[in-house]
Protein backbone atom coordinates (compact mmCIF):
# COMPACT_ATOMS: atom_id res chain seq x y z
CA UNK A 1 -25.58 -32.91 -66.72
CA UNK A 2 -25.90 -36.74 -66.87
CA UNK A 3 -22.66 -37.07 -65.40
CA UNK A 4 -22.84 -34.94 -63.19
CA UNK A 5 -25.66 -36.36 -61.23
CA UNK A 6 -24.58 -40.20 -62.21
CA UNK A 7 -20.82 -39.30 -60.77
CA UNK A 8 -22.43 -37.73 -57.59
CA UNK A 9 -25.31 -40.29 -57.26
CA UNK A 10 -22.62 -43.34 -56.73
CA UNK A 11 -20.79 -40.94 -54.46
CA UNK A 12 -23.39 -39.97 -52.15
CA UNK A 13 -24.61 -44.05 -51.88
CA UNK A 14 -20.99 -45.37 -51.28
CA UNK A 15 -20.58 -42.34 -48.20
CA UNK A 16 -23.97 -43.47 -46.67
CA UNK A 17 -22.38 -47.39 -46.91
CA UNK A 18 -19.98 -45.72 -45.15
CA UNK A 19 -21.79 -43.98 -42.99
CA UNK A 20 -23.85 -46.98 -42.02
CA UNK A 21 -20.43 -49.16 -41.78
CA UNK A 22 -19.64 -46.25 -38.95
CA UNK A 23 -23.07 -46.51 -37.48
CA UNK A 24 -22.53 -50.36 -36.64
CA UNK A 25 -19.10 -50.56 -35.90
CA UNK A 26 -19.15 -47.26 -32.70
CA UNK A 27 -22.37 -49.63 -32.26
CA UNK A 28 -20.56 -52.75 -31.45
CA UNK A 29 -17.80 -51.18 -29.51
CA UNK A 30 -19.76 -49.13 -27.38
CA UNK A 31 -21.96 -52.21 -26.08
CA UNK A 32 -18.59 -54.35 -25.95
CA UNK A 33 -17.09 -51.37 -23.94
CA UNK A 34 -13.72 -53.84 -23.32
CA UNK A 35 -11.62 -50.54 -23.99
CA UNK A 36 -11.28 -47.51 -21.10
CA UNK A 37 -11.67 -45.29 -23.70
CA UNK A 38 -13.46 -46.10 -26.82
CA UNK A 39 -15.11 -42.96 -27.28
CA UNK A 40 -11.42 -42.12 -28.71
CA UNK A 41 -11.00 -45.04 -30.39
CA UNK A 42 -14.50 -45.19 -32.27
CA UNK A 43 -13.54 -40.94 -33.12
CA UNK A 44 -10.14 -42.20 -35.02
CA UNK A 45 -12.34 -45.10 -36.75
CA UNK A 46 -14.42 -42.58 -38.32
CA UNK A 47 -12.81 -40.20 -38.64
CA UNK A 48 -9.70 -42.56 -40.39
CA UNK A 49 -12.43 -44.29 -42.68
CA UNK A 50 -14.44 -40.74 -43.74
CA UNK A 51 -11.51 -38.85 -44.57
CA UNK A 52 -9.88 -41.84 -46.63
CA UNK A 53 -13.07 -42.00 -48.83
CA UNK A 54 -13.07 -38.11 -49.03
CA UNK A 55 -9.24 -39.02 -50.54
CA UNK A 56 -9.54 -42.17 -52.82
CA UNK A 57 -12.30 -40.31 -54.25
CA UNK A 58 -9.39 -36.84 -55.07
CA UNK A 59 -6.80 -39.17 -55.95
CA UNK A 60 -8.94 -41.49 -57.94
CA UNK A 61 -10.85 -38.49 -60.03
CA UNK A 62 -8.24 -38.70 -62.71
CA UNK A 63 -9.09 -42.73 -63.65
CA UNK A 64 -12.98 -42.27 -63.31
CA UNK A 65 -15.26 -40.90 -65.60
CA UNK A 66 -17.29 -38.23 -63.40
CA UNK A 67 -16.40 -34.91 -62.82
CA UNK A 68 -14.68 -34.62 -59.45
CA UNK A 69 -16.31 -31.89 -57.87
CA UNK A 70 -20.07 -33.50 -58.39
CA UNK A 71 -18.24 -37.14 -56.68
CA UNK A 72 -16.55 -34.90 -53.62
CA UNK A 73 -19.30 -33.46 -53.61
CA UNK A 74 -22.35 -36.63 -53.58
CA UNK A 75 -19.47 -38.07 -51.02
CA UNK A 76 -19.32 -35.41 -48.86
CA UNK A 77 -22.79 -35.47 -48.49
CA UNK A 78 -22.91 -38.90 -47.88
CA UNK A 79 -20.84 -39.32 -45.34
CA UNK A 80 -21.80 -36.33 -43.74
CA UNK A 81 -25.84 -36.22 -43.58
CA UNK A 82 -26.40 -40.16 -42.39
CA UNK A 83 -23.57 -39.70 -39.86
CA UNK A 84 -25.74 -37.43 -37.90
CA UNK A 85 -29.47 -39.05 -38.38
CA UNK A 86 -27.63 -42.56 -37.12
CA UNK A 87 -25.73 -40.20 -34.11
CA UNK A 88 -28.75 -39.40 -32.90
CA UNK A 89 -30.52 -42.60 -33.49
CA UNK A 90 -27.73 -44.27 -31.38
CA UNK A 91 -27.66 -41.56 -28.71
CA UNK A 92 -31.34 -41.92 -28.20
CA UNK A 93 -30.42 -45.41 -27.30
CA UNK A 94 -27.41 -44.94 -25.09
CA UNK A 95 -30.01 -42.61 -23.22
CA UNK A 96 -32.98 -44.97 -23.37
CA UNK A 97 -30.86 -47.66 -21.68
CA UNK A 98 -28.97 -45.36 -19.49
CA UNK A 99 -32.41 -44.22 -18.32
CA UNK A 100 -33.61 -47.80 -17.48
CA UNK A 101 -30.55 -48.54 -16.18
CA UNK A 102 -31.04 -46.14 -13.30
CA UNK A 103 -34.45 -46.70 -13.11
CA UNK A 104 -33.80 -50.49 -12.27
CA UNK A 105 -31.30 -49.66 -9.88
CA UNK A 106 -33.50 -47.37 -8.04
CA UNK A 107 -36.28 -49.85 -7.79
CA UNK A 108 -33.71 -51.72 -6.35
CA UNK A 109 -32.69 -49.96 -3.86
CA UNK A 110 -36.03 -49.36 -2.91
CA UNK A 111 -36.84 -52.98 -2.70
CA UNK A 112 -34.14 -52.97 -0.18
CA UNK A 113 -35.85 -50.49 2.71
């Protein structure tokens, strides 16, 4: 039982760290907007990192002392749950910036009239 908790917990922690890394990469790419299609690049990078992590857990499971099932469940939860929360946070930040920019643009238009 302890092996299951340790393996799943470690995979969860690393998956959560990967989710935070994805969040910061996404935030930087959206803020820079140097590319014409940042959403496609962001999606590709995020999915590549997530899939590579899960595949690494699966193939390294023979070398690790913990059950593969626990590690895969922990990894999947670590990658998925924080990603949902951080994506919602980022969406709210982007919406707030867009709303502020729109309000600033409207006030500038009213001052010209």
